[in-house]
Amino acid sequence: MTTERTVLVNDRVVVPLSDAMLRDGVADLRWRLRELVLSGARIIVVDIGSAGVLSSSAVAAMLSAHRACRARGGRLVIHNPDRRTLDLLRRTGLWRVLRQELT
């Protein structure tokens, strides 16, 4: 797995998502997000500004992490989505579930 810098501030974790991380495999992303939830992060912010097109598997991994965060009183936030990602979230109805932060 490509090592990406994860920033922890209080119980909020920022995970930068890159094309390299997606190329290495979505299973790595799924495990990394699960690891963060189990380590106590309540809010996981996935910065997708450097990532290209998100696959349905990547979105499913984020949705799974969001559900785990919600069970612990937190949430997953998608930071810096591009127009294509926003369209994907709208078409699937996930824009109501996964919060987006625009920059």
N, C-alpha and C. Protein backbone atom coordinates (compact mmCIF):
# COMPACT_ATOMS: atom_id res chain seq x y z
N MET A 1 0.84 -1.18 0.00
CA MET A 1 0.00 0.00 0.00
C MET A 1 0.88 1.24 0.00
N THR A 2 0.52 2.22 -0.75
CA THR A 2 1.23 3.48 -0.75
C THR A 2 0.96 4.19 0.57
N THR A 3 2.02 4.67 1.19
CA THR A 3 1.86 5.36 2.47
C THR A 3 1.44 6.79 2.22
N GLU A 4 0.32 7.16 2.75
CA GLU A 4 -0.20 8.52 2.65
C GLU A 4 -0.17 9.12 4.04
N ARG A 5 0.07 10.41 4.11
CA ARG A 5 0.14 11.08 5.40
C ARG A 5 -1.27 11.27 5.94
N THR A 6 -1.49 10.75 7.14
CA THR A 6 -2.78 10.89 7.80
C THR A 6 -2.61 11.88 8.94
N VAL A 7 -3.48 12.86 9.01
CA VAL A 7 -3.39 13.90 10.02
C VAL A 7 -4.52 13.72 11.03
N LEU A 8 -4.16 13.63 12.32
CA LEU A 8 -5.15 13.47 13.38
C LEU A 8 -5.22 14.74 14.21
N VAL A 9 -6.41 15.32 14.30
CA VAL A 9 -6.65 16.49 15.14
C VAL A 9 -7.86 16.17 16.00
N ASN A 10 -7.63 16.07 17.32
CA ASN A 10 -8.66 15.63 18.26
C ASN A 10 -9.18 14.27 17.80
N ASP A 11 -10.46 14.15 17.53
CA ASP A 11 -10.99 12.87 17.06
C ASP A 11 -11.35 12.93 15.58
N ARG A 12 -10.75 13.88 14.88
CA ARG A 12 -10.98 14.07 13.44
C ARG A 12 -9.70 13.70 12.69
N VAL A 13 -9.82 12.78 11.75
CA VAL A 13 -8.67 12.30 10.98
C VAL A 13 -8.85 12.69 9.52
N VAL A 14 -7.81 13.24 8.92
CA VAL A 14 -7.84 13.58 7.50
C VAL A 14 -6.98 12.57 6.75
N VAL A 15 -7.59 11.90 5.78
CA VAL A 15 -6.90 10.89 4.98
C VAL A 15 -6.85 11.38 3.54
N PRO A 16 -5.64 11.74 3.04
CA PRO A 16 -5.56 12.13 1.63
C PRO A 16 -5.63 10.90 0.74
N LEU A 17 -6.50 10.93 -0.23
CA LEU A 17 -6.67 9.81 -1.16
C LEU A 17 -6.07 10.21 -2.50
N SER A 18 -5.20 9.36 -3.03
CA SER A 18 -4.53 9.67 -4.29
C SER A 18 -4.79 8.56 -5.31
N ASP A 19 -4.43 8.86 -6.55
CA ASP A 19 -4.54 7.84 -7.60
C ASP A 19 -3.68 6.63 -7.26
N ALA A 20 -2.49 6.88 -6.68
CA ALA A 20 -1.59 5.77 -6.33
C ALA A 20 -2.24 4.85 -5.31
N MET A 21 -2.93 5.43 -4.33
CA MET A 21 -3.60 4.61 -3.32
C MET A 21 -4.71 3.78 -3.96
N LEU A 22 -5.44 4.38 -4.88
CA LEU A 22 -6.51 3.65 -5.56
C LEU A 22 -5.96 2.56 -6.47
N ARG A 23 -4.81 2.85 -7.10
CA ARG A 23 -4.17 1.86 -7.97
C ARG A 23 -3.69 0.65 -7.17
N ASP A 24 -3.21 0.90 -5.94
CA ASP A 24 -2.71 -0.19 -5.10
C ASP A 24 -3.81 -1.14 -4.68
N GLY A 25 -5.02 -0.69 -4.74
CA GLY A 25 -6.15 -1.57 -4.43
C GLY A 25 -7.08 -0.97 -3.41
N VAL A 26 -8.34 -1.16 -3.66
CA VAL A 26 -9.37 -0.61 -2.78
C VAL A 26 -9.41 -1.36 -1.45
N ALA A 27 -8.95 -2.60 -1.45
CA ALA A 27 -8.92 -3.36 -0.19
C ALA A 27 -8.04 -2.65 0.83
N ASP A 28 -6.93 -2.06 0.37
CA ASP A 28 -6.05 -1.31 1.27
C ASP A 28 -6.77 -0.10 1.85
N LEU A 29 -7.54 0.58 1.02
CA LEU A 29 -8.32 1.72 1.49
C LEU A 29 -9.33 1.27 2.53
N ARG A 30 -10.03 0.18 2.24
CA ARG A 30 -11.03 -0.34 3.17
C ARG A 30 -10.40 -0.66 4.52
N TRP A 31 -9.24 -1.34 4.52
CA TRP A 31 -8.57 -1.69 5.77
C TRP A 31 -8.07 -0.46 6.50
N ARG A 32 -7.55 0.53 5.77
CA ARG A 32 -7.05 1.75 6.40
C ARG A 32 -8.19 2.51 7.09
N LEU A 33 -9.32 2.63 6.43
CA LEU A 33 -10.46 3.32 7.03
C LEU A 33 -10.98 2.57 8.24
N ARG A 34 -11.06 1.25 8.14
CA ARG A 34 -11.53 0.42 9.25
C ARG A 34 -10.57 0.56 10.45
N GLU A 35 -9.27 0.57 10.15
CA GLU A 35 -8.25 0.74 11.18
C GLU A 35 -8.44 2.06 11.94
N LEU A 36 -8.74 3.12 11.20
CA LEU A 36 -8.95 4.42 11.83
C LEU A 36 -10.17 4.42 12.74
N VAL A 37 -11.24 3.79 12.29
CA VAL A 37 -12.45 3.70 13.11
C VAL A 37 -12.16 2.94 14.40
N LEU A 38 -11.47 1.82 14.27
CA LEU A 38 -11.17 0.99 15.45
C LEU A 38 -10.19 1.66 16.40
N SER A 39 -9.38 2.59 15.88
CA SER A 39 -8.43 3.30 16.74
C SER A 39 -9.08 4.47 17.47
N GLY A 40 -10.37 4.72 17.20
CA GLY A 40 -11.09 5.73 17.95
C GLY A 40 -11.44 7.00 17.20
N ALA A 41 -11.10 7.08 15.92
CA ALA A 41 -11.46 8.27 15.15
C ALA A 41 -12.97 8.33 14.98
N ARG A 42 -13.56 9.44 15.36
CA ARG A 42 -15.02 9.58 15.21
C ARG A 42 -15.38 10.21 13.87
N ILE A 43 -14.54 11.12 13.41
CA ILE A 43 -14.80 11.79 12.14
C ILE A 43 -13.62 11.52 11.21
N ILE A 44 -13.91 10.88 10.09
CA ILE A 44 -12.88 10.61 9.09
C ILE A 44 -13.17 11.48 7.88
N VAL A 45 -12.20 12.31 7.53
CA VAL A 45 -12.32 13.19 6.37
C VAL A 45 -11.43 12.60 5.28
N VAL A 46 -12.03 12.18 4.18
CA VAL A 46 -11.27 11.63 3.06
C VAL A 46 -11.12 12.74 2.03
N ASP A 47 -9.88 13.22 1.86
CA ASP A 47 -9.59 14.29 0.91
C ASP A 47 -9.34 13.65 -0.45
N ILE A 48 -10.28 13.80 -1.36
CA ILE A 48 -10.18 13.14 -2.66
C ILE A 48 -9.74 14.11 -3.76
N GLY A 49 -9.22 15.26 -3.36
CA GLY A 49 -8.80 16.27 -4.33
C GLY A 49 -7.71 15.80 -5.27
N SER A 50 -6.85 14.89 -4.82
CA SER A 50 -5.75 14.39 -5.65
C SER A 50 -6.10 13.09 -6.34
N ALA A 51 -7.26 12.56 -6.09
CA ALA A 51 -7.67 11.29 -6.70
C ALA A 51 -8.40 11.57 -8.00
N GLY A 52 -8.33 10.63 -8.89
CA GLY A 52 -9.06 10.76 -10.15
C GLY A 52 -10.48 10.28 -9.96
N VAL A 53 -10.90 9.42 -10.84
CA VAL A 53 -12.26 8.89 -10.80
C VAL A 53 -12.37 7.84 -9.70
N LEU A 54 -13.39 7.97 -8.88
CA LEU A 54 -13.63 6.98 -7.82
C LEU A 54 -14.41 5.81 -8.38
N SER A 55 -13.93 4.62 -8.08
CA SER A 55 -14.65 3.42 -8.51
C SER A 55 -15.80 3.16 -7.54
N SER A 56 -16.71 2.31 -7.96
CA SER A 56 -17.81 1.95 -7.07
C SER A 56 -17.28 1.23 -5.84
N SER A 57 -16.17 0.51 -5.98
CA SER A 57 -15.56 -0.18 -4.83
C SER A 57 -15.01 0.81 -3.82
N ALA A 58 -14.42 1.91 -4.31
CA ALA A 58 -13.89 2.94 -3.40
C ALA A 58 -15.04 3.61 -2.66
N VAL A 59 -16.12 3.89 -3.36
CA VAL A 59 -17.29 4.50 -2.72
C VAL A 59 -17.88 3.53 -1.70
N ALA A 60 -17.92 2.25 -2.03
CA ALA A 60 -18.44 1.25 -1.09
C ALA A 60 -17.57 1.17 0.16
N ALA A 61 -16.25 1.29 0.00
CA ALA A 61 -15.34 1.27 1.16
C ALA A 61 -15.60 2.47 2.06
N MET A 62 -15.83 3.64 1.45
CA MET A 62 -16.12 4.83 2.25
C MET A 62 -17.48 4.72 2.93
N LEU A 63 -18.45 4.15 2.25
CA LEU A 63 -19.78 3.95 2.84
C LEU A 63 -19.71 2.99 4.02
N SER A 64 -18.93 1.94 3.90
CA SER A 64 -18.76 0.99 5.00
C SER A 64 -18.12 1.67 6.21
N ALA A 65 -17.09 2.49 5.95
CA ALA A 65 -16.44 3.22 7.05
C ALA A 65 -17.40 4.23 7.67
N HIS A 66 -18.22 4.86 6.84
CA HIS A 66 -19.22 5.81 7.36
C HIS A 66 -20.19 5.11 8.31
N ARG A 67 -20.64 3.93 7.92
CA ARG A 67 -21.56 3.17 8.78
C ARG A 67 -20.90 2.83 10.12
N ALA A 68 -19.64 2.43 10.07
CA ALA A 68 -18.92 2.10 11.31
C ALA A 68 -18.75 3.35 12.17
N CYS A 69 -18.46 4.48 11.54
CA CYS A 69 -18.34 5.74 12.28
C CYS A 69 -19.67 6.13 12.91
N ARG A 70 -20.76 5.99 12.16
CA ARG A 70 -22.09 6.34 12.67
C ARG A 70 -22.45 5.50 13.89
N ALA A 71 -22.04 4.23 13.88
CA ALA A 71 -22.32 3.36 15.02
C ALA A 71 -21.60 3.85 16.26
N ARG A 72 -20.54 4.62 16.08
CA ARG A 72 -19.78 5.17 17.21
C ARG A 72 -20.04 6.66 17.41
N GLY A 73 -21.08 7.17 16.76
CA GLY A 73 -21.45 8.57 16.94
C GLY A 73 -20.68 9.54 16.06
N GLY A 74 -20.05 9.06 15.01
CA GLY A 74 -19.26 9.92 14.13
C GLY A 74 -19.78 9.91 12.71
N ARG A 75 -18.88 10.21 11.77
CA ARG A 75 -19.26 10.23 10.36
C ARG A 75 -18.01 10.24 9.48
N LEU A 76 -18.22 9.97 8.21
CA LEU A 76 -17.18 10.11 7.20
C LEU A 76 -17.56 11.27 6.31
N VAL A 77 -16.59 12.11 6.01
CA VAL A 77 -16.81 13.31 5.19
C VAL A 77 -15.92 13.22 3.96
N ILE A 78 -16.47 13.53 2.80
CA ILE A 78 -15.68 13.59 1.57
C ILE A 78 -15.28 15.04 1.36
N HIS A 79 -13.97 15.29 1.36
CA HIS A 79 -13.44 16.64 1.22
C HIS A 79 -12.92 16.86 -0.20
N ASN A 80 -13.25 18.00 -0.76
CA ASN A 80 -12.73 18.43 -2.05
C ASN A 80 -13.15 17.54 -3.22
N PRO A 81 -14.43 17.15 -3.31
CA PRO A 81 -14.86 16.34 -4.45
C PRO A 81 -14.93 17.18 -5.73
N ASP A 82 -14.63 16.55 -6.84
CA ASP A 82 -14.77 17.25 -8.11
C ASP A 82 -16.20 17.08 -8.63
N ARG A 83 -16.48 17.71 -9.74
CA ARG A 83 -17.84 17.69 -10.30
C ARG A 83 -18.29 16.26 -10.61
N ARG A 84 -17.38 15.44 -11.13
CA ARG A 84 -17.73 14.06 -11.49
C ARG A 84 -18.12 13.26 -10.25
N THR A 85 -17.39 13.46 -9.15
CA THR A 85 -17.71 12.75 -7.91
C THR A 85 -19.04 13.23 -7.34
N LEU A 86 -19.27 14.53 -7.37
CA LEU A 86 -20.56 15.06 -6.89
C LEU A 86 -21.71 14.50 -7.71
N ASP A 87 -21.51 14.37 -9.02
CA ASP A 87 -22.54 13.80 -9.88
C ASP A 87 -22.79 12.33 -9.52
N LEU A 88 -21.71 11.59 -9.27
CA LEU A 88 -21.84 10.18 -8.87
C LEU A 88 -22.64 10.06 -7.57
N LEU A 89 -22.33 10.92 -6.60
CA LEU A 89 -23.04 10.88 -5.32
C LEU A 89 -24.52 11.24 -5.50
N ARG A 90 -24.81 12.18 -6.38
CA ARG A 90 -26.20 12.56 -6.65
C ARG A 90 -26.97 11.41 -7.31
N ARG A 91 -26.35 10.81 -8.34
CA ARG A 91 -27.03 9.73 -9.08
C ARG A 91 -27.31 8.52 -8.20
N THR A 92 -26.43 8.26 -7.24
CA THR A 92 -26.61 7.09 -6.38
C THR A 92 -27.41 7.41 -5.12
N GLY A 93 -27.68 8.69 -4.88
CA GLY A 93 -28.40 9.08 -3.67
C GLY A 93 -27.50 9.17 -2.44
N LEU A 94 -26.21 8.95 -2.63
CA LEU A 94 -25.29 8.97 -1.48
C LEU A 94 -24.96 10.39 -1.01
N TRP A 95 -25.35 11.40 -1.78
CA TRP A 95 -25.11 12.76 -1.34
C TRP A 95 -25.87 13.06 -0.05
N ARG A 96 -26.95 12.30 0.19
CA ARG A 96 -27.72 12.47 1.44
C ARG A 96 -27.05 11.77 2.61
N VAL A 97 -26.21 10.80 2.32
CA VAL A 97 -25.58 9.97 3.36
C VAL A 97 -24.18 10.47 3.69
N LEU A 98 -23.37 10.69 2.66
CA LEU A 98 -21.99 11.11 2.85
C LEU A 98 -21.88 12.63 2.73
N ARG A 99 -21.48 13.27 3.80
CA ARG A 99 -21.34 14.72 3.78
C ARG A 99 -20.16 15.12 2.90
N GLN A 100 -20.31 16.22 2.18
CA GLN A 100 -19.23 16.73 1.35
C GLN A 100 -18.78 18.09 1.85
N GLU A 101 -17.46 18.31 1.80
CA GLU A 101 -16.87 19.61 2.13
C GLU A 101 -16.21 20.13 0.86
N LEU A 102 -16.65 21.26 0.39
CA LEU A 102 -16.07 21.86 -0.81
C LEU A 102 -15.05 22.91 -0.40
N THR A 103 -14.00 23.05 -1.22
CA THR A 103 -13.00 24.09 -0.92
C THR A 103 -13.05 25.17 -1.95
